[in-house]
Every structure is written in structure tokens, then in C-alpha cells.
Protein backbone atom coordinates (compact mmCIF):
# COMPACT_ATOMS: atom_id res chain seq x y z
CA MET A 1 -21.45 -8.52 -18.22
CA THR A 2 -20.65 -5.54 -16.02
CA VAL A 3 -22.04 -5.71 -12.50
CA LEU A 4 -22.83 -2.33 -10.94
CA ASP A 5 -22.47 -1.68 -7.22
CA LYS A 6 -25.85 -0.47 -5.96
CA ASN A 7 -24.21 1.45 -3.12
CA HIS A 8 -22.57 4.04 -5.33
CA PRO A 9 -23.50 5.84 -8.55
CA PRO A 10 -22.49 4.35 -11.94
CA SER A 11 -18.93 5.07 -12.99
CA PRO A 12 -17.23 4.87 -16.39
CA PHE A 13 -14.89 2.39 -14.74
CA ASP A 14 -17.44 -0.08 -13.43
CA ALA A 15 -16.47 -2.27 -16.39
CA LEU A 16 -12.82 -2.06 -15.40
CA SER A 17 -13.48 -2.72 -11.72
CA GLU A 18 -15.82 -5.68 -12.34
CA ALA A 19 -14.06 -7.21 -15.36
CA PRO A 20 -13.03 -10.87 -15.26
CA TRP A 21 -9.33 -11.62 -15.27
CA ARG A 22 -8.13 -11.60 -18.89
CA ARG A 23 -4.95 -12.31 -20.81
CA PHE A 24 -4.18 -8.59 -20.81
CA HIS A 25 -3.98 -8.57 -17.01
CA THR A 26 -1.60 -11.53 -17.00
CA VAL A 27 0.72 -9.88 -19.55
CA ALA A 28 0.66 -6.58 -17.64
CA VAL A 29 1.52 -8.29 -14.36
CA LEU A 30 4.41 -10.15 -16.01
CA LEU A 31 5.89 -7.08 -17.72
CA PHE A 32 5.54 -4.87 -14.66
CA GLY A 33 6.88 -7.71 -12.54
CA VAL A 34 9.98 -8.29 -14.65
CA GLY A 35 10.83 -4.60 -14.40
CA TRP A 36 10.33 -4.76 -10.65
CA ALA A 37 12.63 -7.80 -10.55
CA MET A 38 15.30 -5.65 -12.16
CA ASP A 39 14.91 -3.08 -9.40
CA ALA A 40 15.40 -5.84 -6.84
CA PHE A 41 18.33 -7.10 -8.85
CA GLU A 42 19.79 -3.62 -8.41
CA VAL A 43 19.38 -3.57 -4.63
CA THR A 44 20.71 -7.08 -4.03
CA LEU A 45 23.41 -6.54 -6.62
CA VAL A 46 25.12 -3.90 -4.55
CA GLY A 47 24.89 -5.99 -1.41
CA ASN A 48 26.42 -8.95 -3.21
CA VAL A 49 29.34 -6.98 -4.67
CA MET A 50 29.83 -4.67 -1.68
CA GLY A 51 32.73 -6.72 -0.40
CA ALA A 52 34.42 -6.65 -3.80
CA LEU A 53 33.82 -2.90 -4.15
CA GLY A 54 35.25 -2.34 -0.69
CA THR A 55 38.40 -4.20 -1.68
CA ARG A 56 38.69 -2.45 -5.05
CA PHE A 57 38.22 1.09 -3.71
CA HIS A 58 39.64 0.52 -0.19
CA LEU A 59 36.35 1.33 1.56
CA GLY A 60 35.58 0.96 5.26
CA GLY A 61 32.13 0.44 6.74
CA GLN A 62 31.14 4.12 6.79
CA ALA A 63 32.49 4.67 3.27
CA MET A 64 30.43 1.76 1.98
CA SER A 65 27.42 3.34 3.65
CA VAL A 66 28.07 6.45 1.53
CA LEU A 67 27.86 4.29 -1.59
CA LEU A 68 24.50 2.97 -0.42
CA ALA A 69 23.37 6.49 0.52
CA ALA A 70 24.13 7.80 -3.00
CA TRP A 71 21.75 5.25 -4.42
CA PHE A 72 19.07 6.08 -1.84
CA CYS A 73 19.40 9.81 -2.55
CA GLY A 74 18.76 9.10 -6.22
CA LEU A 75 15.84 6.85 -5.35
CA MET A 76 14.30 9.51 -3.12
CA LEU A 77 14.61 12.12 -5.88
CA GLY A 78 13.23 9.73 -8.50
CA ALA A 79 10.22 8.74 -6.40
CA ALA A 80 9.24 12.31 -5.50
CA TRP A 81 9.96 13.91 -8.86
CA PHE A 82 8.76 11.18 -11.20
CA GLY A 83 5.70 10.54 -9.04
CA ALA A 84 4.50 14.04 -9.83
CA LEU A 85 5.55 13.64 -13.48
CA SER A 86 3.57 10.40 -13.70
CA ASP A 87 0.43 12.21 -12.58
CA ARG A 88 1.11 15.02 -15.03
CA TYR A 89 2.33 13.16 -18.13
CA GLY A 90 1.06 9.63 -17.60
CA ARG A 91 2.11 6.29 -16.12
CA ARG A 92 3.33 4.84 -19.41
CA ARG A 93 5.92 7.50 -20.22
CA VAL A 94 7.40 7.23 -16.75
CA PHE A 95 7.54 3.42 -16.49
CA LEU A 96 9.29 3.30 -19.88
CA ALA A 97 11.75 6.09 -19.04
CA SER A 98 12.50 4.80 -15.54
CA LEU A 99 13.64 1.34 -16.58
CA THR A 100 15.66 2.78 -19.47
CA LEU A 101 17.47 5.19 -17.16
CA TYR A 102 18.18 2.43 -14.65
CA GLY A 103 19.48 0.11 -17.37
CA LEU A 104 21.81 2.68 -18.91
CA ALA A 105 23.22 3.80 -15.54
CA THR A 106 23.79 0.23 -14.36
CA LEU A 107 25.42 -0.73 -17.64
CA ALA A 108 27.71 2.30 -17.41
CA ALA A 109 28.65 1.36 -13.84
CA ALA A 110 30.35 -1.73 -15.27
CA VAL A 111 33.06 0.51 -16.72
CA ALA A 112 33.24 3.09 -13.90
CA PRO A 113 36.88 4.22 -13.75
CA ASN A 114 36.83 5.49 -10.16
CA LEU A 115 34.74 5.82 -7.02
CA THR A 116 33.36 9.26 -7.95
CA ALA A 117 31.99 7.98 -11.26
CA LEU A 118 30.50 4.97 -9.52
CA LEU A 119 28.76 7.18 -6.95
CA VAL A 120 27.21 9.34 -9.70
CA LEU A 121 26.04 6.31 -11.67
CA ARG A 122 24.59 4.66 -8.57
CA ALA A 123 22.63 7.85 -7.86
CA LEU A 124 21.28 7.91 -11.44
CA ALA A 125 20.28 4.25 -11.20
CA GLY A 126 18.50 5.11 -7.96
CA VAL A 127 16.52 7.84 -9.75
CA GLY A 128 15.32 5.23 -12.25
CA VAL A 129 14.28 2.81 -9.52
CA GLY A 130 12.50 5.56 -7.58
CA ALA A 131 10.48 6.43 -10.67
CA GLU A 132 9.49 2.76 -10.93
CA TYR A 133 8.00 2.80 -7.44
CA ALA A 134 5.52 5.54 -8.31
CA ALA A 135 4.61 4.63 -11.88
CA ILE A 136 4.32 0.84 -11.52
CA ASN A 137 2.31 0.84 -8.31
CA ALA A 138 -0.06 3.46 -9.72
CA ALA A 139 -0.47 1.65 -13.05
CA ILE A 140 -1.13 -1.85 -11.73
CA THR A 141 -3.55 -0.50 -9.11
CA GLU A 142 -5.57 1.25 -11.81
CA LEU A 143 -5.60 -1.54 -14.42
CA VAL A 144 -6.77 -4.67 -12.57
CA PRO A 145 -10.25 -5.70 -11.33
CA ARG A 146 -11.08 -4.69 -7.77
CA ARG A 147 -11.43 -8.24 -6.42
CA ALA A 148 -7.89 -9.11 -7.53
CA ARG A 149 -6.21 -5.75 -6.92
CA GLY A 150 -4.36 -6.74 -3.77
CA ARG A 151 -3.30 -10.11 -5.16
CA ALA A 152 -2.20 -8.69 -8.54
CA SER A 153 -0.20 -5.89 -6.93
CA ALA A 154 1.42 -8.36 -4.56
CA ILE A 155 2.35 -10.69 -7.43
CA VAL A 156 4.03 -7.81 -9.28
CA LEU A 157 5.94 -6.85 -6.15
CA ASN A 158 6.81 -10.51 -5.54
CA PHE A 159 9.06 -10.34 -8.56
CA TRP A 160 11.36 -8.45 -6.21
CA PRO A 161 12.62 -11.61 -4.46
CA LEU A 162 12.96 -13.24 -7.89
CA GLY A 163 15.27 -10.40 -8.88
CA SER A 164 17.17 -10.79 -5.62
CA LEU A 165 17.54 -14.50 -6.30
CA LEU A 166 18.80 -13.79 -9.82
CA ALA A 167 21.36 -11.32 -8.48
CA ALA A 168 22.63 -13.79 -5.90
CA LEU A 169 22.82 -16.63 -8.45
CA LEU A 170 24.67 -14.38 -10.89
CA ALA A 171 27.01 -12.73 -8.39
CA TRP A 172 28.03 -15.91 -6.60
CA PRO A 173 29.80 -17.69 -9.52
CA LEU A 174 31.08 -14.48 -11.10
CA LEU A 175 32.66 -13.16 -7.91
CA ALA A 176 34.12 -16.58 -7.10
CA ALA A 177 35.43 -17.42 -10.59
CA LEU A 178 36.59 -14.06 -11.98
CA PRO A 179 39.29 -11.68 -10.77
CA PRO A 180 37.82 -9.35 -8.11
CA ASP A 181 37.92 -6.21 -10.26
CA LEU A 182 36.26 -7.97 -13.20
CA GLY A 183 33.56 -9.92 -11.37
CA TRP A 184 31.60 -6.94 -10.04
CA ARG A 185 31.83 -5.19 -13.41
CA MET A 186 30.33 -8.19 -15.19
CA VAL A 187 27.50 -8.32 -12.67
CA PHE A 188 26.63 -4.66 -13.34
CA ALA A 189 26.82 -5.20 -17.11
CA ALA A 190 24.42 -8.15 -16.99
CA GLY A 191 21.93 -6.21 -14.87
CA GLY A 192 21.94 -3.23 -17.23
CA LEU A 193 21.41 -5.34 -20.35
CA ILE A 194 18.50 -7.26 -18.82
CA ALA A 195 16.81 -4.03 -17.71
CA LEU A 196 17.10 -2.43 -21.17
CA SER A 197 15.62 -5.55 -22.77
CA THR A 198 12.66 -5.41 -20.39
CA ALA A 199 12.09 -1.71 -21.11
CA TRP A 200 11.83 -2.57 -24.81
CA LEU A 201 9.10 -5.15 -24.09
CA ARG A 202 7.14 -2.73 -21.90
CA ARG A 203 6.33 -0.49 -24.83
CA TYR A 204 3.35 -2.75 -25.56
CA LEU A 205 1.59 -1.78 -22.31
CA PRO A 206 -1.09 0.95 -22.57
CA GLU A 207 -1.67 4.09 -20.57
CA SER A 208 -3.94 3.90 -17.53
CA PRO A 209 -7.51 4.68 -18.72
CA ARG A 210 -8.32 6.12 -15.30
CA TRP A 211 -5.47 8.61 -15.66
CA LEU A 212 -6.58 9.49 -19.20
CA LEU A 213 -10.11 10.29 -18.05
CA ALA A 214 -8.75 12.39 -15.18
CA GLN A 215 -6.93 14.40 -17.85
CA GLY A 216 -10.07 14.87 -19.93
CA ARG A 217 -8.99 12.39 -22.63
CA SER A 218 -12.16 10.27 -22.56
CA ALA A 219 -11.96 8.92 -26.13
CA GLU A 220 -8.48 7.47 -25.54
CA ALA A 221 -9.58 6.10 -22.18
CA ALA A 222 -12.58 4.38 -23.76
CA ALA A 223 -10.45 2.72 -26.43
CA ILE A 224 -8.02 1.32 -23.87
CA LEU A 225 -10.86 0.27 -21.58
CA ALA A 226 -12.38 -1.74 -24.44
CA ARG A 227 -9.01 -3.41 -24.99
CA VAL A 228 -8.60 -4.25 -21.30
CA THR A 229 -12.13 -5.46 -20.53
CA GLY A 230 -13.33 -6.72 -23.91
CA GLU A 231 -16.42 -4.50 -23.61
CA ALA A 232 -17.31 -1.46 -25.73
CA PRO A 233 -18.17 1.24 -23.19
CA GLY A 234 -21.26 3.33 -23.80
CA TRP A 235 -19.73 6.54 -22.53
CA LEU A 236 -17.43 7.21 -25.49
CA ALA A 237 -19.38 10.34 -26.37
CA LEU A 238 -19.13 11.87 -22.92
CA PRO A 239 -17.73 15.40 -22.97
CA ALA A 240 -14.14 15.66 -21.88
CA ALA A 241 -13.70 16.43 -18.22
CA PRO A 242 -11.41 19.29 -17.19
CA ALA A 243 -7.88 18.06 -16.68
CA ALA A 244 -7.15 17.38 -13.02
CA LYS A 245 -4.13 19.13 -11.56
CA ALA A 246 -1.67 17.21 -9.41
CA SER A 247 0.58 18.65 -6.75
CA LEU A 248 1.86 17.72 -3.34
CA ILE A 249 0.06 20.73 -1.85
CA THR A 250 -3.24 19.47 -3.27
CA LEU A 251 -2.53 16.04 -1.85
CA LEU A 252 -1.76 17.46 1.58
CA ARG A 253 -5.00 19.43 1.48
CA GLN A 254 -7.22 16.57 0.29
CA ALA A 255 -5.79 13.52 2.02
CA PRO A 256 -3.24 14.35 4.75
CA GLY A 257 -4.00 11.23 6.81
CA ARG A 258 -3.60 8.92 3.83
CA LEU A 259 -0.29 10.50 2.92
CA ALA A 260 0.86 10.21 6.54
CA LEU A 261 -0.03 6.51 6.55
CA GLY A 262 1.84 5.85 3.31
CA ALA A 263 4.90 7.79 4.45
CA ALA A 264 5.00 6.12 7.88
CA LEU A 265 4.58 2.59 6.51
CA ASP A 266 7.22 3.17 3.86
CA PHE A 267 9.64 4.75 6.32
CA ALA A 268 9.29 1.80 8.69
CA GLU A 269 9.73 -0.89 6.05
CA ALA A 270 12.53 0.90 4.18
CA ALA A 271 14.59 1.51 7.32
CA GLY A 272 14.00 -2.03 8.54
CA TYR A 273 14.47 -3.76 5.19
CA TYR A 274 17.50 -1.91 3.87
CA GLY A 275 19.02 -1.83 7.33
CA LEU A 276 18.70 -5.62 7.39
CA PHE A 277 20.49 -5.93 4.07
CA ALA A 278 23.19 -3.47 5.11
CA PHE A 279 23.62 -5.54 8.27
CA LEU A 280 25.18 -8.40 6.30
CA PRO A 281 28.11 -6.67 4.56
CA LEU A 282 28.68 -4.01 7.23
CA VAL A 283 28.37 -6.17 10.36
CA VAL A 284 28.28 -9.91 9.63
CA LEU A 285 31.27 -10.06 7.27
CA PRO A 286 33.69 -8.23 9.63
CA ALA A 287 32.36 -9.92 12.78
CA LEU A 288 32.57 -13.48 11.42
CA HIS A 289 35.66 -12.86 9.25
CA LEU A 290 33.96 -14.16 6.12
CA ALA A 291 35.37 -13.69 2.61
CA PRO A 292 33.43 -11.29 0.34
CA HIS A 293 32.50 -14.08 -2.10
CA ALA A 294 30.63 -15.85 0.73
CA LEU A 295 28.12 -13.00 1.04
CA PRO A 296 25.91 -14.10 -1.92
CA LEU A 297 25.16 -17.31 0.02
CA PHE A 298 23.43 -15.23 2.69
CA TYR A 299 21.47 -13.33 0.05
CA LEU A 300 20.58 -16.59 -1.67
CA ALA A 301 19.07 -17.92 1.55
CA GLY A 302 17.29 -14.63 2.13
CA SER A 303 15.86 -14.63 -1.40
CA PHE A 304 14.21 -18.02 -0.92
CA GLY A 305 12.66 -16.72 2.29
CA ALA A 306 11.51 -13.57 0.49
CA LEU A 307 9.74 -15.60 -2.21
CA ALA A 308 7.69 -17.36 0.44
CA GLY A 309 6.94 -14.04 2.13
CA GLY A 310 5.72 -12.44 -1.09
CA LEU A 311 3.41 -15.38 -1.77
CA ALA A 312 2.04 -15.07 1.77
CA ALA A 313 1.18 -11.41 1.12
CA ALA A 314 -0.50 -12.28 -2.20
CA LEU A 315 -2.65 -14.91 -0.50
CA THR A 316 -3.73 -12.78 2.46
CA LEU A 317 -4.33 -9.23 1.16
CA ASP A 318 -7.66 -9.84 -0.55
CA ARG A 319 -8.76 -12.69 1.74
CA PHE A 320 -8.13 -11.13 5.16
CA GLY A 321 -7.99 -7.46 4.26
CA ARG A 322 -5.29 -4.79 4.30
CA PHE A 323 -5.35 -3.99 8.02
CA TRP A 324 -4.81 -7.51 9.33
CA SER A 325 -2.26 -8.44 6.66
CA VAL A 326 -0.07 -5.37 7.08
CA SER A 327 -0.21 -5.04 10.87
CA LEU A 328 0.44 -8.74 11.54
CA PHE A 329 3.31 -8.98 9.05
CA TYR A 330 5.00 -5.85 10.40
CA GLY A 331 4.61 -7.04 13.98
CA ALA A 332 5.89 -10.53 13.17
CA THR A 333 8.93 -9.07 11.41
CA GLY A 334 9.78 -7.01 14.49
CA LEU A 335 9.56 -10.07 16.73
CA ALA A 336 11.63 -12.18 14.31
CA THR A 337 14.33 -9.49 14.23
CA ILE A 338 14.46 -9.51 18.02
CA ALA A 339 14.82 -13.30 17.94
CA LEU A 340 17.67 -12.95 15.43
CA ALA A 341 19.37 -10.47 17.74
CA LEU A 342 19.17 -12.91 20.64
CA ALA A 343 20.65 -15.69 18.47
CA SER A 344 23.30 -13.55 16.75
CA GLY A 345 26.17 -15.04 18.73
CA LEU A 346 25.49 -18.61 17.59
CA GLY A 347 27.47 -18.52 14.34
CA ALA A 348 27.12 -17.98 10.59
CA GLY A 349 24.69 -20.86 10.01
CA VAL A 350 22.19 -19.59 12.58
CA ILE A 351 22.47 -16.04 11.26
CA MET A 352 21.83 -17.27 7.70
CA ALA A 353 18.71 -19.20 8.75
CA GLY A 354 17.48 -16.32 10.89
CA PHE A 355 18.07 -13.89 8.05
CA ALA A 356 16.00 -16.08 5.70
CA LEU A 357 13.07 -16.16 8.17
CA THR A 358 13.28 -12.44 8.92
CA ASN A 359 13.47 -11.63 5.21
CA LEU A 360 10.39 -13.80 4.60
CA LEU A 361 8.35 -11.70 7.02
CA ALA A 362 9.93 -8.39 5.98
CA THR A 363 9.13 -9.03 2.33
CA ALA A 364 5.54 -9.98 3.17
CA SER A 365 5.30 -6.71 5.14
CA TRP A 366 6.34 -4.27 2.46
CA ILE A 367 4.59 -6.18 -0.34
CA ALA A 368 1.37 -5.94 1.69
CA ALA A 369 1.97 -2.26 2.49
CA TYR A 370 2.35 -0.93 -1.06
CA PRO A 371 -1.08 -1.97 -2.39
CA THR A 372 -2.59 -0.78 0.89
CA PHE A 373 -1.55 2.85 0.58
CA SER A 374 -1.38 3.00 -3.24
CA GLU A 375 -5.13 2.48 -3.57
CA LEU A 376 -5.96 5.20 -1.02
CA PHE A 377 -5.04 8.18 -3.22
CA PRO A 378 -7.36 9.61 -5.90
CA THR A 379 -6.33 8.83 -9.48
CA HIS A 380 -5.06 12.30 -10.39
CA LEU A 381 -2.86 12.29 -7.25
CA ARG A 382 -2.03 8.58 -6.95
CA ALA A 383 1.53 8.57 -8.29
CA THR A 384 2.28 11.81 -6.44
CA GLY A 385 1.09 10.19 -3.21
CA ILE A 386 3.06 7.00 -3.81
CA GLY A 387 6.15 8.96 -4.79
CA ALA A 388 5.95 11.21 -1.74
CA SER A 389 5.49 8.20 0.56
CA VAL A 390 8.46 6.43 -1.00
CA ALA A 391 10.59 9.58 -0.80
CA VAL A 392 9.94 9.86 2.95
CA GLY A 393 10.61 6.15 3.28
CA ARG A 394 13.99 6.47 1.60
CA ILE A 395 15.07 8.77 4.43
CA GLY A 396 14.78 5.70 6.64
CA ALA A 397 16.58 3.59 4.05
CA MET A 398 19.37 6.15 3.84
CA ILE A 399 20.03 6.53 7.56
CA ALA A 400 19.62 2.86 8.48
CA PRO A 401 22.97 1.66 7.03
CA PHE A 402 24.84 4.35 8.97
CA LEU A 403 23.05 3.45 12.20
CA VAL A 404 23.61 -0.26 11.59
CA ALA A 405 27.31 0.27 10.91
CA ALA A 406 27.74 2.42 14.03
CA LEU A 407 25.82 0.13 16.38
CA GLY A 408 27.08 -3.07 14.75
CA ALA A 409 30.67 -2.08 15.43
CA ARG A 410 29.83 -2.30 19.14
CA SER A 411 27.17 -5.00 19.22
CA MET A 412 25.56 -7.11 16.50
CA ALA A 413 22.46 -7.55 18.67
CA ALA A 414 22.07 -3.79 19.25
CA ALA A 415 21.89 -3.16 15.50
CA LEU A 416 19.15 -5.76 15.16
CA PHE A 417 17.14 -4.37 18.08
CA LEU A 418 17.16 -1.01 16.31
CA LEU A 419 15.79 -2.61 13.13
CA ALA A 420 13.09 -4.41 15.11
CA GLY A 421 11.94 -1.03 16.43
CA PHE A 422 11.28 0.21 12.89
CA TRP A 423 9.04 -2.76 12.08
CA LEU A 424 7.10 -2.49 15.34
CA PHE A 425 6.56 1.20 14.62
CA GLY A 426 4.92 0.24 11.30
CA ALA A 427 2.58 -2.18 13.07
CA LEU A 428 1.61 0.57 15.53
CA VAL A 429 0.85 2.96 12.66
CA MET A 430 -1.65 0.49 11.22
CA VAL A 431 -3.37 0.14 14.59
CA VAL A 432 -3.67 3.94 14.84
CA TRP A 433 -5.09 4.04 11.29
CA ARG A 434 -7.73 1.46 12.24
CA ILE A 435 -8.69 3.24 15.47
CA ALA A 436 -8.95 6.58 13.63
CA GLY A 437 -11.50 5.06 11.22
CA GLY A 438 -9.22 4.72 8.21
CA ILE A 439 -10.83 3.03 5.24
CA GLU A 440 -10.28 -0.66 4.44
CA GLY A 441 -9.87 -0.81 0.66
CA SER A 442 -10.05 -4.57 0.15
CA GLY A 443 -12.65 -5.43 -2.50
CA LEU A 444 -13.74 -1.81 -3.10
CA ALA A 445 -13.61 -0.04 -6.45
CA LEU A 446 -10.97 2.71 -6.52
CA GLU A 447 -13.65 5.33 -7.11
CA ARG A 448 -15.25 4.39 -3.78
CA ILE A 449 -11.96 4.40 -1.87
CA ALA A 450 -10.81 7.78 -3.15
CA PRO A 451 -13.42 9.73 -5.12
CA ALA A 452 -12.03 12.53 -7.24
CA ALA A 453 -13.59 15.34 -5.22
CA PRO A 454 -12.33 18.81 -4.31
CA ALA A 455 -10.91 19.30 -0.87
CA SER A 456 -14.01 21.12 0.33
CA ALA A 457 -16.15 18.06 -0.43
CA MET A 458 -13.95 15.71 1.53
CA THR A 459 -15.50 16.25 4.89
CA SER A 460 -15.92 12.73 6.24
CA GLY A 461 -13.30 11.11 8.44
CA ALA A 462 -12.80 8.29 5.97
CA SER A 463 -12.33 10.69 3.05
CA ARG A 464 -9.84 12.87 4.82
CA ALA A 465 -8.08 9.88 6.41
């Protein structure tokens, strides 16, 4: 039975917000999660094979940073472009196309004949992953009940460390057992095939009914809503609403503070997280004179830490709220990175353990951040807002490897202090958001967090925040 919130007018999506958890929700979380695991597989994949690629193509630290930057450029383009496309053409089309593009580009990378071809393919794979950020986060936010929204989103995102773990487990034996030029190719081939298989399974997932109604397609929305909730909605005969238009300009006009929060949180976590992963191949390997095939051991340790961090985010987001979860995780990650910097001269074992702990907290941070800013945007602008936030964040991800390589060549600790600064900046942003009266979305229906109203109607501080 649908329970209506007496503090706001009835909505066509009260049934969706108040629905009990059903088998549909479990299947959606699993299929979105497996695709997200493939994105993580992609990120960790490159870190694991970076040493082998450096040997194969005679790359130094800065040249390897270019390889990482090509992927981040593609990701930034994919997030910004496909975010807007997801609001215009639907979540489903984009989350099917994104994983297919990623799978094909990664599979093709297995037979890349030279560095130029590899750079192009890495950029295309990045476009696919960037599209995933916008479409998946928008879709899962709009499909699950309000009481479980933070937990469900965090569980989907927690497939990321599972993908990282898979990449490390796959890369370790392949790089150790096969000739160097064959091992990394086999790793890319396996990643591409798994991604394409997952894209095939995703075709069973429906379009977001919230997006359909925002486009004036109420009959289709009602049919999907009945499938998701098990209830036959009584608003099937409602006249179609005018299709909502999505653009970055509209988003800037309606919710500048919310976009600023999403962009700042994503910039902080992307610079800190990807800088941390670049730190291993660009700084740790040369400084400790480790063989390239030893690198997956570090990622393996980090992946176990990340799993624990993702579970921590899933347990805290709905229980303690978005503000406390995000600000405490970001702050703790900054402090852990400082501790790792102070212990960086104590050898490979200490660095591996410190990396696992830091990755635990870093993963909890970004997994908590995505549901926090994804739910703040109105439905017709949600994917645009997520995509724009991610695109800004990828600027941090793109510059961090270069900064880490430059500082790490002089001092391992200096590179880590820089990364700690990014995380502490994210914690500060959350404090500013709270002081400015930013809304706490935990437990609220999406229509209460971000009503679909014209810019002129958004006059309250919470609405414009």
C-alpha cells in the first residue's frame, strides 16, 4: 500500500518512492553493478599493466601520464556529452551504448599495433566509462525507494572494488606467466569480452519512469512503474506533460550551488583517488626498484581495502545522513594519506598496508559522494548535472598523475601530501554546504529534494543550493 507524505502534495511517484524492496530492484542493482565493476576493471587494468606498457613502448613517467591523460580526456568528454544525451534521449539508451563502446574499445586495445592506436582506443574507452557515470547514477537514483536510495546507490558503486579485485587477480598471473607483450594484451581482451557480455544482459532493464514523465510520456511511465512497484497507478489517464528541456545553461540557472557542490566533491575525490593509483606505478615502482609484475600485489591489497570502504559507505549513508558520511570519510582519507606520507620511507610492506587503508577510506568517500549530489538535481537535469560534475572532476584526475610524477621524483612524501590536500578540500566543501543551508537528501523523495520547477520559482536557499 502506498504511503503518502503529508508534508508535500501527492505525486505520481509516491508509489515508486514508498515501494517495498522487490526482486526488480535487486536485479537492477546487480546489472548496474556489474557494468560499474567493468569500469573499475578498466581503471585498475591500466594501473596493473602500466609497467608492462612502459617496457613495451619505452615510456618514462611523464609519457605514462600521457597514456592516463588520454583516458581521462575521453572520460571527461563522455561524462559531459552523454550526460546531456541521457537527459534528452533516456537513461536506457545511454547505459546500453556506453558499456558497448567501452567493451569494443578495450577489446580492440588488445591488438593495438602501436602507441598512437593505443592512445586513441584508451580515449574511446574513457568516453564509454564517462557515459556510465551519468546514466547509471541517474538511473539507480530514480528507480529505487527513497529509504534505500543511498544504500542501493552505494551497493552499485561498491562493485567498483570488485572490478578492481578482478583486474588484479587477472593481471597478476597473466603478467607473471606470459611473455610481457602478450600478457597485457590478454588482460585487455578479457576485459572487453566481459563488458560486452554485461551490455547484452542490461537490455532487460527498463527506462526510468521519472524521466519518461518528464518527457511527457506518461503512459509508458505508468507501465514501467507498475512493473517496478507491483501497483497499477491511477494516473494512467493524466494528460501528457510538456517535454522538459535539458541544458547546462538551464542547470546553472536553476541550481548553481548544487552543481558547484557536485563538481567540487568530484574534483576532490578524482584528483585524490586517481592520483593515489598513479602514485604506485609512477613513484613506488621506481623508488623501490620493484618489477612490473609485482604491482598487481599492491592493487590486490588496495582492492580488499576498497571493498570494506564501499560497505562502510553503504551502511552509513541512509543511517547517518549524507553530510556526516561524506565529510567524515573525506576528512579521514586526508588524514590517512598524511600518515602514509610520514611512513613512506619504511619499505614496500608498510606502503602496501598504508595503501590498503587509504584506499578503504578513499573508496568510502567517493561512493558516499555520488549518491549525495546525484539526488540533488531535478529529474530532467539529473544526468546533465552528474555528467557536468564528473567532467569537472576529471580535470583533477587528469592533472593529478602529472603532479604526482613531478613531485614523486623529488619526494614520495611530497606527492602524498598533495593528495591529502585534495581530500581535505572535499571535506571543507561539505562543511560549507551545511553552513549555507544545503539540503540533506537522506530519506526524502526525489520530488521533495529537487522539484521540477522553473528557475523563477526556485527562490528558497535550499532550492537554489
